[in-house]
Structure formats: structure tokens, C-alpha cells
C-alpha atoms as a PDB file:
ATOM      1  CA  MET A   1       0.000   0.000   0.000  1.00  0.00           C
ATOM      2  CA  SER A   2       1.369   3.382  -0.898  1.00  0.00           C
ATOM      3  CA  PHE A   3       2.092   6.018   1.697  1.00  0.00           C
ATOM      4  CA  PHE A   4      -0.642   8.259   0.293  1.00  0.00           C
ATOM      5  CA  ALA A   5      -3.243   5.479   0.511  1.00  0.00           C
ATOM      6  CA  THR A   6      -2.176   4.724   4.083  1.00  0.00           C
ATOM      7  CA  VAL A   7      -2.573   8.374   5.088  1.00  0.00           C
ATOM      8  CA  LEU A   8      -6.060   8.504   3.528  1.00  0.00           C
ATOM      9  CA  LEU A   9      -7.108   5.288   5.262  1.00  0.00           C
ATOM     10  CA  VAL A  10      -5.834   6.408   8.673  1.00  0.00           C
ATOM     11  CA  ASN A  11      -7.514   9.798   8.232  1.00  0.00           C
ATOM     12  CA  ALA A  12     -10.820   8.135   7.329  1.00  0.00           C
ATOM     13  CA  LEU A  13     -10.641   5.846  10.356  1.00  0.00           C
ATOM     14  CA  THR A  14      -9.750   8.616  12.803  1.00  0.00           C
ATOM     15  CA  PHE A  15     -11.992  11.359  11.412  1.00  0.00           C
ATOM     16  CA  PRO A  16     -14.125  12.624  14.330  1.00  0.00           C
ATOM     17  CA  ILE A  17     -17.894  12.274  14.302  1.00  0.00           C
ATOM     18  CA  PRO A  18     -19.520  15.702  13.952  1.00  0.00           C
ATOM     19  CA  PRO A  19     -21.087  16.862  17.237  1.00  0.00           C
ATOM     20  CA  ASP A  20     -24.326  17.962  15.553  1.00  0.00           C
ATOM     21  CA  LEU A  21     -25.005  14.514  14.068  1.00  0.00           C
ATOM     22  CA  ASN A  22     -28.489  13.329  15.001  1.00  0.00           C
ATOM     23  CA  ALA A  23     -28.871   9.554  15.121  1.00  0.00           C
ATOM     24  CA  ASP A  24     -32.661   9.855  14.837  1.00  0.00           C
ATOM     25  CA  THR A  25     -32.502  11.581  11.452  1.00  0.00           C
ATOM     26  CA  PRO A  26     -32.257   9.173   8.511  1.00  0.00           C
ATOM     27  CA  ALA A  27     -29.364   9.544   6.124  1.00  0.00           C
ATOM     28  CA  PRO A  28     -30.169  11.464   2.943  1.00  0.00           C
ATOM     29  CA  ILE A  29     -30.900   9.210  -0.010  1.00  0.00           C
ATOM     30  CA  TYR A  30     -29.731  10.136  -3.484  1.00  0.00           C
ATOM     31  CA  ASP A  31     -32.733  11.229  -5.462  1.00  0.00           C
ATOM     32  CA  SER A  32     -32.624  12.306  -9.056  1.00  0.00           C
ATOM     33  CA  PRO A  33     -35.147  13.092 -11.780  1.00  0.00           C
ATOM     34  CA  ASP A  34     -33.364  10.465 -13.904  1.00  0.00           C
ATOM     35  CA  LEU A  35     -34.686   7.764 -11.575  1.00  0.00           C
ATOM     36  CA  TYR A  36     -38.247   8.642 -12.506  1.00  0.00           C
ATOM     37  CA  GLY A  37     -37.786   9.938 -16.023  1.00  0.00           C
ATOM     38  CA  ASP A  38     -39.717   8.710 -18.998  1.00  0.00           C
ATOM     39  CA  ALA A  39     -36.639   8.777 -21.242  1.00  0.00           C
ATOM     40  CA  PRO A  40     -33.111   7.379 -20.856  1.00  0.00           C
ATOM     41  CA  SER A  41     -30.334   9.769 -19.854  1.00  0.00           C
ATOM     42  CA  GLU A  42     -27.866  11.164 -22.359  1.00  0.00           C
ATOM     43  CA  ILE A  43     -25.207   8.607 -21.397  1.00  0.00           C
ATOM     44  CA  ALA A  44     -27.549   5.609 -21.721  1.00  0.00           C
ATOM     45  CA  LEU A  45     -27.206   3.008 -24.446  1.00  0.00           C
ATOM     46  CA  ASP A  46     -29.682   3.451 -27.270  1.00  0.00           C
ATOM     47  CA  ARG A  47     -32.661   1.158 -27.795  1.00  0.00           C
ATOM     48  CA  SER A  48     -31.089  -0.762 -30.690  1.00  0.00           C
ATOM     49  CA  THR A  49     -27.945  -1.544 -28.667  1.00  0.00           C
ATOM     50  CA  ILE A  50     -30.045  -2.955 -25.824  1.00  0.00           C
ATOM     51  CA  ARG A  51     -32.039  -5.050 -28.318  1.00  0.00           C
ATOM     52  CA  GLY A  52     -28.828  -6.323 -29.910  1.00  0.00           C
ATOM     53  CA  LYS A  53     -27.397  -7.372 -26.533  1.00  0.00           C
ATOM     54  CA  LEU A  54     -30.575  -9.245 -25.669  1.00  0.00           C
ATOM     55  CA  HIS A  55     -30.697 -10.936 -29.068  1.00  0.00           C
ATOM     56  CA  GLY A  56     -27.098 -12.035 -28.506  1.00  0.00           C
ATOM     57  CA  LEU A  57     -28.187 -13.674 -25.247  1.00  0.00           C
ATOM     58  CA  GLY A  58     -30.978 -15.572 -27.010  1.00  0.00           C
ATOM     59  CA  PHE A  59     -33.990 -13.407 -26.154  1.00  0.00           C
ATOM     60  CA  ARG A  60     -36.089 -13.617 -29.341  1.00  0.00           C
ATOM     61  CA  PRO A  61     -38.465 -12.105 -30.212  1.00  0.00           C
ATOM     62  CA  ILE A  62     -38.663  -8.971 -28.129  1.00  0.00           C
ATOM     63  CA  THR A  63     -42.371  -8.196 -28.012  1.00  0.00           C
ATOM     64  CA  GLU A  64     -42.452  -5.064 -25.849  1.00  0.00           C
ATOM     65  CA  MET A  65     -39.860  -2.505 -24.823  1.00  0.00           C
ATOM     66  CA  LYS A  66     -40.628   0.607 -22.778  1.00  0.00           C
ATOM     67  CA  PHE A  67     -38.675   2.902 -20.482  1.00  0.00           C
ATOM     68  CA  VAL A  68     -40.259   3.226 -17.044  1.00  0.00           C
ATOM     69  CA  GLY A  69     -38.817   4.365 -13.724  1.00  0.00           C
ATOM     70  CA  GLY A  70     -35.268   4.705 -14.980  1.00  0.00           C
ATOM     71  CA  ARG A  71     -35.072   1.186 -16.457  1.00  0.00           C
ATOM     72  CA  TRP A  72     -35.990  -0.622 -19.636  1.00  0.00           C
ATOM     73  CA  LYS A  73     -39.003  -2.907 -19.058  1.00  0.00           C
ATOM     74  CA  ILE A  74     -38.856  -5.588 -21.724  1.00  0.00           C
ATOM     75  CA  LYS A  75     -41.014  -8.563 -22.610  1.00  0.00           C
ATOM     76  CA  ALA A  76     -39.354 -11.243 -24.686  1.00  0.00           C
ATOM     77  CA  ARG A  77     -39.121 -14.967 -25.235  1.00  0.00           C
ATOM     78  CA  TRP A  78     -36.186 -17.129 -24.234  1.00  0.00           C
ATOM     79  CA  GLY A  79     -36.224 -20.825 -25.029  1.00  0.00           C
ATOM     80  CA  GLY A  80     -39.888 -20.564 -26.010  1.00  0.00           C
ATOM     81  CA  LYS A  81     -40.885 -19.148 -22.611  1.00  0.00           C
ATOM     82  CA  ARG A  82     -42.183 -15.625 -22.010  1.00  0.00           C
ATOM     83  CA  ARG A  83     -39.879 -13.498 -19.853  1.00  0.00           C
ATOM     84  CA  ALA A  84     -40.242 -10.068 -18.215  1.00  0.00           C
ATOM     85  CA  LEU A  85     -36.901  -8.273 -18.013  1.00  0.00           C
ATOM     86  CA  GLU A  86     -35.611  -5.098 -16.410  1.00  0.00           C
ATOM     87  CA  VAL A  87     -32.444  -3.769 -18.009  1.00  0.00           C
ATOM     88  CA  ASP A  88     -30.059  -1.052 -16.837  1.00  0.00           C
ATOM     89  CA  PRO A  89     -30.050   1.651 -19.537  1.00  0.00           C
ATOM     90  CA  ASP A  90     -26.426   2.686 -18.966  1.00  0.00           C
ATOM     91  CA  SER A  91     -24.725  -0.720 -18.995  1.00  0.00           C
ATOM     92  CA  GLY A  92     -27.249  -2.983 -20.700  1.00  0.00           C
ATOM     93  CA  LEU A  93     -27.052  -5.453 -17.799  1.00  0.00           C
ATOM     94  CA  ILE A  94     -30.159  -7.449 -16.956  1.00  0.00           C
ATOM     95  CA  ILE A  95     -31.280  -6.432 -13.480  1.00  0.00           C
ATOM     96  CA  SER A  96     -34.295  -8.717 -13.311  1.00  0.00           C
ATOM     97  CA  ASP A  97     -35.385 -11.738 -15.359  1.00  0.00           C
ATOM     98  CA  ARG A  98     -38.728 -13.246 -14.367  1.00  0.00           C
ATOM     99  CA  PRO A  99     -41.454 -15.300 -16.006  1.00  0.00           C
ATOM    100  CA  ASP A 100     -43.947 -13.024 -17.752  1.00  0.00           C
ATOM    101  CA  ARG A 101     -47.356 -13.469 -16.163  1.00  0.00           C
ATOM    102  CA  GLY A 102     -49.412 -11.514 -18.594  1.00  0.00           C
END
């Protein structure tokens, strides 16, 4: 470990707790309009790239694809079975893969 990293680690471990910290107040949660937007952010992968990634994984055909709550909600078939997917718009990673119930 470098000297600089050691100094940062020791400083982080010995940094005093602020006296005005209230244990009864919950920690602030990151909240952003992007989490609730109806369109992907500017850095997100485009729709065709997401479709191409899913096709490469064997999800065919993709029957529905909409952007809701900051994620792609996708209905597709995999191995003949209907699947409901949630996909991260920035990385294209599948966050959730469940049987489609309707």
C-alpha cells in the first residue's frame, strides 16, 4: 500500500464524528429526476444496442420494450418461454429476469 493510501485510510478511520449529528434523522438518499424519467439519460445506451445485446443472449423475439422508472421494461421470449426483463439503460445489464405473467 502506498504512503498516500495509508494516510487517507488512517484519516478516514480517525476522522471525528460531527457533534451535531443526530442519530434519529435518517441519512439522505440520493434522489434524481433520472430515476423517474420517462426517457433514458444522455449517457444511456440506445434502444437498438439494448435489443442487440438481448438478441445475442438468445432473447427472441422482443415483443415489448418501454422505459419506465429509470429502467428498460422488456417482454421477450427465451427458449420458447415468455420473460419479463428489467435492463439497466447505462450498462445494458439485466437487473431482473422473471417469467412473464401476462
